[in-house]
Amino acid sequence: MPFQSLPASGSQVAPLTDRLPAAMAAPAAEGLSSQHLLNGRREVLIRHGDSVYRLRHTSNDKLILTK
């Protein structure tokens, strides 16, 4: 199941486990590629406990994670 795009202001974010393929829900010793995480998008939301973080791919080909 692909990642969903960022929600509009004021909308709810679905739980991350509802949006992840089963293979991504389990820890991966070899890691995950950023292309796989972003799935063609420039930003994705990551829920960690009660917080939501934004992972952004910049025009300088960097990744930025913000709360």
N, C-alpha and C. Protein backbone atom coordinates (compact mmCIF):
# COMPACT_ATOMS: atom_id res chain seq x y z
N MET A 1 0.85 -1.18 0.00
CA MET A 1 0.00 0.00 0.00
C MET A 1 0.89 1.23 0.00
N PRO A 2 0.73 2.16 -0.93
CA PRO A 2 1.60 3.34 -1.00
C PRO A 2 1.31 4.34 0.10
N PHE A 3 2.28 5.20 0.36
CA PHE A 3 2.08 6.28 1.32
C PHE A 3 1.03 7.23 0.78
N GLN A 4 0.31 7.85 1.70
CA GLN A 4 -0.67 8.86 1.31
C GLN A 4 0.01 10.21 1.28
N SER A 5 -0.51 11.12 0.47
CA SER A 5 0.04 12.47 0.42
C SER A 5 -0.29 13.20 1.72
N LEU A 6 0.35 14.32 1.93
CA LEU A 6 0.12 15.11 3.13
C LEU A 6 -1.33 15.57 3.18
N PRO A 7 -1.96 15.49 4.36
CA PRO A 7 -3.35 15.90 4.46
C PRO A 7 -3.50 17.41 4.41
N ALA A 8 -4.66 17.86 4.04
CA ALA A 8 -4.97 19.29 4.08
C ALA A 8 -5.01 19.74 5.53
N SER A 9 -4.82 21.00 5.75
CA SER A 9 -4.82 21.56 7.10
C SER A 9 -6.09 21.19 7.85
N GLY A 10 -5.94 20.69 9.06
CA GLY A 10 -7.08 20.35 9.90
C GLY A 10 -7.59 18.93 9.71
N SER A 11 -7.09 18.20 8.72
CA SER A 11 -7.57 16.83 8.52
C SER A 11 -6.76 15.86 9.37
N GLN A 12 -7.29 14.68 9.56
CA GLN A 12 -6.66 13.67 10.39
C GLN A 12 -5.67 12.85 9.57
N VAL A 13 -4.61 12.35 10.22
CA VAL A 13 -3.64 11.48 9.58
C VAL A 13 -3.96 10.06 10.00
N ALA A 14 -4.07 9.15 9.04
CA ALA A 14 -4.34 7.75 9.34
C ALA A 14 -3.14 7.16 10.08
N PRO A 15 -3.38 6.21 10.98
CA PRO A 15 -2.26 5.56 11.67
C PRO A 15 -1.28 4.99 10.66
N LEU A 16 0.00 5.13 10.95
CA LEU A 16 1.04 4.70 10.03
C LEU A 16 0.90 3.22 9.69
N THR A 17 0.52 2.39 10.66
CA THR A 17 0.40 0.96 10.39
C THR A 17 -0.70 0.66 9.40
N ASP A 18 -1.67 1.56 9.23
CA ASP A 18 -2.72 1.37 8.23
C ASP A 18 -2.22 1.67 6.83
N ARG A 19 -1.07 2.35 6.72
CA ARG A 19 -0.59 2.80 5.42
C ARG A 19 0.69 2.09 4.99
N LEU A 20 1.26 1.24 5.84
CA LEU A 20 2.53 0.58 5.51
C LEU A 20 2.32 -0.83 5.00
N PRO A 21 3.11 -1.23 4.00
CA PRO A 21 3.11 -2.64 3.63
C PRO A 21 3.63 -3.46 4.81
N ALA A 22 3.19 -4.69 4.94
CA ALA A 22 3.59 -5.54 6.07
C ALA A 22 5.11 -5.65 6.17
N ALA A 23 5.81 -5.71 5.04
CA ALA A 23 7.27 -5.84 5.05
C ALA A 23 7.94 -4.63 5.68
N MET A 24 7.32 -3.46 5.60
CA MET A 24 7.92 -2.25 6.18
C MET A 24 7.61 -2.12 7.66
N ALA A 25 6.58 -2.77 8.16
CA ALA A 25 6.21 -2.66 9.56
C ALA A 25 7.23 -3.34 10.46
N ALA A 26 7.90 -4.38 9.96
CA ALA A 26 8.90 -5.10 10.73
C ALA A 26 10.26 -4.43 10.56
N PRO A 27 11.12 -4.50 11.59
CA PRO A 27 12.46 -3.91 11.46
C PRO A 27 13.23 -4.56 10.32
N ALA A 28 13.98 -3.78 9.59
CA ALA A 28 14.79 -4.30 8.48
C ALA A 28 16.26 -4.08 8.80
N ALA A 29 17.01 -5.15 8.91
CA ALA A 29 18.43 -5.05 9.25
C ALA A 29 19.19 -4.27 8.19
N GLU A 30 18.81 -4.41 6.92
CA GLU A 30 19.54 -3.75 5.84
C GLU A 30 19.06 -2.33 5.59
N GLY A 31 18.01 -1.89 6.23
CA GLY A 31 17.51 -0.53 6.07
C GLY A 31 16.53 -0.41 4.93
N LEU A 32 16.02 0.79 4.74
CA LEU A 32 15.06 1.08 3.68
C LEU A 32 15.61 2.21 2.83
N SER A 33 15.33 2.16 1.54
CA SER A 33 15.77 3.25 0.67
C SER A 33 14.83 4.44 0.82
N SER A 34 15.37 5.64 0.63
CA SER A 34 14.53 6.83 0.71
C SER A 34 13.50 6.83 -0.41
N GLN A 35 13.85 6.28 -1.58
CA GLN A 35 12.89 6.21 -2.68
C GLN A 35 11.70 5.34 -2.30
N HIS A 36 11.96 4.27 -1.57
CA HIS A 36 10.87 3.39 -1.13
C HIS A 36 9.98 4.10 -0.10
N LEU A 37 10.59 4.82 0.82
CA LEU A 37 9.83 5.54 1.83
C LEU A 37 8.99 6.67 1.23
N LEU A 38 9.61 7.45 0.34
CA LEU A 38 8.93 8.60 -0.23
C LEU A 38 7.98 8.22 -1.37
N ASN A 39 8.25 7.12 -2.05
CA ASN A 39 7.36 6.61 -3.09
C ASN A 39 7.01 7.68 -4.13
N GLY A 40 8.03 8.42 -4.60
CA GLY A 40 7.82 9.42 -5.64
C GLY A 40 7.34 10.77 -5.14
N ARG A 41 7.15 10.92 -3.84
CA ARG A 41 6.70 12.19 -3.28
C ARG A 41 7.88 12.96 -2.71
N ARG A 42 7.67 14.23 -2.45
CA ARG A 42 8.70 15.07 -1.84
C ARG A 42 8.59 15.06 -0.32
N GLU A 43 7.43 14.69 0.23
CA GLU A 43 7.22 14.68 1.69
C GLU A 43 6.34 13.51 2.08
N VAL A 44 6.59 12.97 3.28
CA VAL A 44 5.70 11.99 3.90
C VAL A 44 5.60 12.32 5.38
N LEU A 45 4.50 11.89 5.99
CA LEU A 45 4.32 12.06 7.43
C LEU A 45 4.63 10.73 8.11
N ILE A 46 5.29 10.83 9.27
CA ILE A 46 5.64 9.65 10.06
C ILE A 46 5.09 9.85 11.46
N ARG A 47 4.24 8.95 11.91
CA ARG A 47 3.70 9.01 13.27
C ARG A 47 4.62 8.21 14.19
N HIS A 48 5.03 8.84 15.29
CA HIS A 48 5.87 8.20 16.30
C HIS A 48 5.24 8.50 17.64
N GLY A 49 4.58 7.50 18.22
CA GLY A 49 3.84 7.72 19.47
C GLY A 49 2.71 8.71 19.22
N ASP A 50 2.68 9.77 20.01
CA ASP A 50 1.65 10.80 19.86
C ASP A 50 2.07 11.95 18.95
N SER A 51 3.26 11.87 18.38
CA SER A 51 3.78 12.95 17.54
C SER A 51 3.75 12.57 16.07
N VAL A 52 3.69 13.58 15.22
CA VAL A 52 3.76 13.39 13.77
C VAL A 52 4.96 14.17 13.26
N TYR A 53 5.82 13.49 12.51
CA TYR A 53 7.01 14.10 11.93
C TYR A 53 6.84 14.17 10.42
N ARG A 54 7.52 15.13 9.80
CA ARG A 54 7.49 15.31 8.35
C ARG A 54 8.88 15.00 7.81
N LEU A 55 8.98 14.04 6.90
CA LEU A 55 10.23 13.73 6.23
C LEU A 55 10.17 14.37 4.85
N ARG A 56 11.11 15.26 4.58
CA ARG A 56 11.08 16.05 3.34
C ARG A 56 12.36 15.83 2.54
N HIS A 57 12.20 15.64 1.23
CA HIS A 57 13.33 15.54 0.30
C HIS A 57 13.52 16.92 -0.32
N THR A 58 14.66 17.55 -0.08
CA THR A 58 14.88 18.92 -0.52
C THR A 58 15.38 18.97 -1.97
N SER A 59 15.38 20.16 -2.53
CA SER A 59 15.89 20.35 -3.89
C SER A 59 17.41 20.14 -3.95
N ASN A 60 18.08 20.17 -2.80
CA ASN A 60 19.52 19.90 -2.73
C ASN A 60 19.82 18.43 -2.48
N ASP A 61 18.80 17.58 -2.65
CA ASP A 61 18.91 16.12 -2.49
C ASP A 61 19.29 15.71 -1.06
N LYS A 62 18.77 16.46 -0.10
CA LYS A 62 18.96 16.14 1.33
C LYS A 62 17.61 15.69 1.90
N LEU A 63 17.66 14.98 3.02
CA LEU A 63 16.45 14.61 3.75
C LEU A 63 16.39 15.42 5.03
N ILE A 64 15.22 15.98 5.33
CA ILE A 64 15.02 16.75 6.55
C ILE A 64 13.83 16.16 7.28
N LEU A 65 14.03 15.85 8.56
CA LEU A 65 12.96 15.32 9.41
C LEU A 65 12.62 16.39 10.43
N THR A 66 11.38 16.86 10.44
CA THR A 66 10.94 17.89 11.39
C THR A 66 9.71 17.42 12.14
N LYS A 67 9.55 17.94 13.34
CA LYS A 67 8.39 17.62 14.16
C LYS A 67 7.30 18.62 13.90
